[in-house]
Amino acid sequence: MFAVLKTGGKQYKVQSGDMLRVEKLAADAGETVQFNDVLMLGGDTPTVGAPFVEGAAVQAEVVDQIKGEKVIHFVKRRRKHSSKRTKGHRQKLTLVKVTDILASGADKSGVKAAVGAGSVAAVADAPNAKAAPKKEAKAEAPAATDGADDLKKLSGVGPALEKKLHEAGVTTFAQVAAWTDEDVAAMDEKLSFKGRIEREGWIEQAKELAKG
């Protein structure tokens, strides 16, 4: 039996016993985590989710927290900018070993959900949190923006993008100003606009706006 799971914006086909490198998880070596976003179960009777298979999950043991291979990022600006910059980046990853594939009953397993780590990662939800009524989620959303800065002052940020930033837990210029290269890479992937943060100069703008 195999499963296709989704984590860190990527999909993986796994079987029991497989070793897997995924985007960094908030878990220590030796812990058991559970991936609840299962897109498909394969075997004698394949099941395809819409988009996820209800009640299915993949459990895995965290082997180690590691770093990926170094990636060289080279930027060359033309015309009036006329500058070049080279920098390296090593993505933080988590090495896990798949221990079990559950076709049902994932919400009753009691195993910790596998969630991403880092300052821009979402807070872990319980396995059965998906069943929460949508109306309740919408009612709580305004509270997350209390005391928030007007992120639309950042270049290229409109109402829709500001809403996505709020959903990611980013509500102030101070948060943006404190982003590291790893935070930028994670947010690029989360919001699906790689390179935009750097091109628009959000961090520099946020530093100035945070001063008041």
Protein backbone atom coordinates (compact mmCIF):
# COMPACT_ATOMS: atom_id res chain seq x y z
CA MET A 1 0.00 0.00 0.00
CA PHE A 2 1.23 3.48 -0.83
CA ALA A 3 0.02 7.02 -0.22
CA VAL A 4 0.50 10.41 -1.85
CA LEU A 5 0.81 13.11 0.80
CA LYS A 6 1.22 16.87 0.67
CA THR A 7 3.52 18.89 2.94
CA GLY A 8 5.52 22.09 2.52
CA GLY A 9 3.80 22.79 -0.81
CA LYS A 10 5.13 19.54 -2.33
CA GLN A 11 3.68 16.08 -2.96
CA TYR A 12 5.39 12.78 -2.09
CA LYS A 13 4.54 9.17 -2.93
CA VAL A 14 5.48 7.04 0.08
CA GLN A 15 5.33 3.52 1.46
CA SER A 16 5.99 2.16 4.93
CA GLY A 17 9.73 2.19 5.59
CA ASP A 18 10.56 5.02 3.14
CA MET A 19 13.01 7.75 4.20
CA LEU A 20 11.82 11.21 3.22
CA ARG A 21 13.28 14.74 3.27
CA VAL A 22 10.56 17.37 3.75
CA GLU A 23 10.36 21.07 4.56
CA LYS A 24 11.38 21.65 8.19
CA LEU A 25 8.81 20.41 10.73
CA ALA A 26 8.26 21.60 14.28
CA ALA A 27 9.35 18.33 15.87
CA ASP A 28 12.42 16.81 17.55
CA ALA A 29 14.34 13.69 16.54
CA GLY A 30 12.60 10.58 17.85
CA GLU A 31 9.11 12.09 17.79
CA THR A 32 6.28 10.57 15.75
CA VAL A 33 4.30 12.95 13.57
CA GLN A 34 1.25 12.52 11.38
CA PHE A 35 0.71 13.94 7.88
CA ASN A 36 -3.03 14.49 7.54
CA ASP A 37 -3.10 15.88 3.99
CA VAL A 38 -3.30 12.63 2.01
CA LEU A 39 -4.23 13.09 -1.65
CA MET A 40 -4.42 9.42 -2.61
CA LEU A 41 -4.22 5.91 -1.23
CA GLY A 42 -2.97 3.15 -3.54
CA GLY A 43 -3.24 -0.63 -3.37
CA ASP A 44 -5.89 -3.18 -4.25
CA THR A 45 -8.62 -0.53 -4.00
CA PRO A 46 -7.11 2.90 -4.82
CA THR A 47 -8.81 5.94 -3.28
CA VAL A 48 -8.44 9.48 -4.64
CA GLY A 49 -9.25 12.41 -2.37
CA ALA A 50 -11.28 15.52 -3.19
CA PRO A 51 -8.79 16.99 -2.54
CA PHE A 52 -7.86 14.89 0.54
CA VAL A 53 -8.87 11.38 1.56
CA GLU A 54 -11.08 11.76 4.63
CA GLY A 55 -9.74 9.98 7.71
CA ALA A 56 -6.46 8.97 6.03
CA ALA A 57 -2.98 9.89 7.27
CA VAL A 58 0.67 8.96 7.06
CA GLN A 59 2.64 8.54 10.28
CA ALA A 60 6.42 8.95 10.38
CA GLU A 61 9.26 9.09 12.88
CA VAL A 62 11.49 12.17 12.85
CA VAL A 63 15.06 10.97 12.28
CA ASP A 64 16.95 14.29 12.22
CA GLN A 65 16.82 18.00 11.40
CA ILE A 66 19.15 18.61 8.43
CA LYS A 67 20.03 21.16 5.74
CA GLY A 68 19.75 20.72 1.98
CA GLU A 69 22.49 21.33 -0.56
CA LYS A 70 23.78 24.88 -0.94
CA VAL A 71 21.96 26.84 -3.65
CA ILE A 72 23.70 29.81 -5.27
CA HIS A 73 21.42 32.79 -5.93
CA PHE A 74 22.86 35.23 -8.47
CA VAL A 75 21.07 38.52 -9.20
CA LYS A 76 22.08 40.93 -11.93
CA ARG A 77 20.19 44.19 -12.40
CA ARG A 78 20.34 45.98 -15.70
CA ARG A 79 20.33 49.62 -16.76
CA LYS A 80 20.23 52.18 -13.95
CA HIS A 81 20.50 49.57 -11.17
CA SER A 82 23.68 48.03 -12.61
CA SER A 83 24.62 45.77 -9.70
CA LYS A 84 25.37 42.10 -9.08
CA ARG A 85 24.97 39.98 -5.99
CA THR A 86 25.71 36.35 -5.21
CA LYS A 87 24.50 34.62 -2.06
CA GLY A 88 24.16 31.05 -0.89
CA HIS A 89 21.21 29.39 0.79
CA ARG A 90 20.75 25.99 2.45
CA GLN A 91 17.14 25.03 3.01
CA LYS A 92 16.30 23.61 6.43
CA LEU A 93 14.79 20.14 6.08
CA THR A 94 13.51 17.34 8.28
CA LEU A 95 14.46 13.71 7.65
CA VAL A 96 11.60 11.33 8.48
CA LYS A 97 10.97 7.60 8.18
CA VAL A 98 7.46 6.50 7.23
CA THR A 99 6.17 4.03 9.82
CA ASP A 100 2.48 3.57 9.01
CA ILE A 101 -0.23 4.50 6.50
CA LEU A 102 -3.73 4.88 7.93
CA ALA A 103 -6.68 4.44 5.59
CA SER A 104 -9.10 5.69 8.27
CA GLY A 105 -9.31 6.85 11.89
CA ALA A 106 -6.56 9.46 11.64
CA ASP A 107 -8.51 11.92 13.82
CA LYS A 108 -8.53 9.38 16.69
CA SER A 109 -4.87 8.35 16.52
CA GLY A 110 -3.70 10.96 19.03
CA VAL A 111 -0.44 11.49 17.11
CA LYS A 112 0.94 15.01 16.79
CA ALA A 113 0.17 16.65 13.42
CA ALA A 114 3.17 17.42 11.19
CA VAL A 115 3.38 21.21 10.76
CA GLY A 116 6.07 23.50 9.40
CA ALA A 117 8.53 25.31 11.65
CA GLY A 118 9.80 28.91 11.44
CA SER A 119 8.53 32.41 12.18
CA VAL A 120 6.12 32.37 9.22
CA ALA A 121 4.76 28.86 9.82
CA ALA A 122 1.15 28.36 10.86
CA VAL A 123 0.26 27.21 14.35
CA ALA A 124 -0.33 23.45 14.59
CA ASP A 125 -3.93 22.35 14.39
CA ALA A 126 -5.40 19.16 15.80
CA PRO A 127 -6.15 16.41 13.23
CA ASN A 128 -9.89 17.00 13.55
CA ALA A 129 -9.63 20.79 13.16
CA LYS A 130 -10.67 20.51 9.50
CA ALA A 131 -14.19 19.66 10.65
CA ALA A 132 -14.62 23.07 12.32
CA PRO A 133 -17.48 25.11 10.78
CA LYS A 134 -16.30 27.70 8.23
CA LYS A 135 -18.52 30.36 9.79
CA GLU A 136 -16.62 30.16 13.08
CA ALA A 137 -13.27 30.56 11.30
CA LYS A 138 -14.50 33.71 9.54
CA ALA A 139 -15.79 35.16 12.79
CA GLU A 140 -12.36 34.83 14.40
CA ALA A 141 -10.42 36.30 11.48
CA PRO A 142 -10.91 40.03 12.30
CA ALA A 143 -9.32 39.56 15.76
CA ALA A 144 -6.02 38.56 14.11
CA THR A 145 -5.72 42.05 12.53
CA ASP A 146 -6.28 44.08 15.70
CA GLY A 147 -3.47 46.62 16.05
CA ALA A 148 -2.08 45.65 12.65
CA ASP A 149 -0.12 48.02 10.40
CA ASP A 150 -1.38 48.99 6.96
CA LEU A 151 0.69 46.50 4.94
CA LYS A 152 -0.72 47.98 1.72
CA LYS A 153 1.94 50.69 2.11
CA LEU A 154 4.49 48.10 0.96
CA SER A 155 5.20 48.20 -2.77
CA GLY A 156 2.96 45.82 -4.71
CA VAL A 157 0.72 44.89 -1.75
CA GLY A 158 -3.01 45.27 -2.33
CA PRO A 159 -6.02 44.23 -0.24
CA ALA A 160 -5.91 40.60 -1.43
CA LEU A 161 -2.20 40.19 -0.72
CA GLU A 162 -2.53 41.94 2.62
CA LYS A 163 -5.24 39.42 3.58
CA LYS A 164 -2.91 36.53 2.70
CA LEU A 165 -0.15 38.05 4.84
CA HIS A 166 -2.57 38.36 7.77
CA GLU A 167 -3.58 34.71 7.33
CA ALA A 168 0.12 33.80 7.48
CA GLY A 169 0.42 35.65 10.80
CA VAL A 170 2.18 38.74 9.39
CA THR A 171 0.43 41.91 10.56
CA THR A 172 3.13 44.50 11.30
CA PHE A 173 6.03 46.21 9.53
CA ALA A 174 8.32 45.11 12.38
CA GLN A 175 7.69 41.46 11.50
CA VAL A 176 8.60 42.03 7.85
CA ALA A 177 11.67 44.08 8.79
CA ALA A 178 12.97 41.19 10.92
CA TRP A 179 12.68 38.54 8.17
CA THR A 180 15.80 36.46 7.50
CA ASP A 181 16.71 34.88 4.14
CA GLU A 182 15.04 31.66 5.34
CA ASP A 183 11.87 33.53 6.28
CA VAL A 184 11.79 35.20 2.85
CA ALA A 185 12.22 31.83 1.08
CA ALA A 186 9.43 30.28 3.15
CA MET A 187 7.07 33.22 2.56
CA ASP A 188 7.86 33.24 -1.17
CA GLU A 189 6.70 29.64 -1.37
CA LYS A 190 3.72 30.15 0.91
CA LEU A 191 2.37 33.05 -1.16
CA SER A 192 3.56 31.67 -4.54
CA PHE A 193 5.49 34.70 -5.77
CA LYS A 194 9.16 33.77 -5.63
CA GLY A 195 11.54 36.71 -5.77
CA ARG A 196 8.90 39.40 -5.34
CA ILE A 197 9.80 40.29 -1.76
CA GLU A 198 13.36 40.99 -2.81
CA ARG A 199 12.44 42.75 -6.07
CA GLU A 200 10.00 45.11 -4.35
CA GLY A 201 12.35 45.72 -1.41
CA TRP A 202 9.76 44.94 1.28
CA ILE A 203 12.27 44.49 4.10
CA GLU A 204 13.94 47.87 3.52
CA GLN A 205 10.54 49.58 3.17
CA ALA A 206 9.25 47.88 6.32
CA LYS A 207 12.26 49.08 8.32
CA GLU A 208 11.52 52.67 7.34
CA LEU A 209 7.77 52.38 7.92
CA ALA A 210 8.31 50.70 11.31
CA LYS A 211 10.23 53.78 12.48
CA GLY A 212 7.07 55.74 12.12
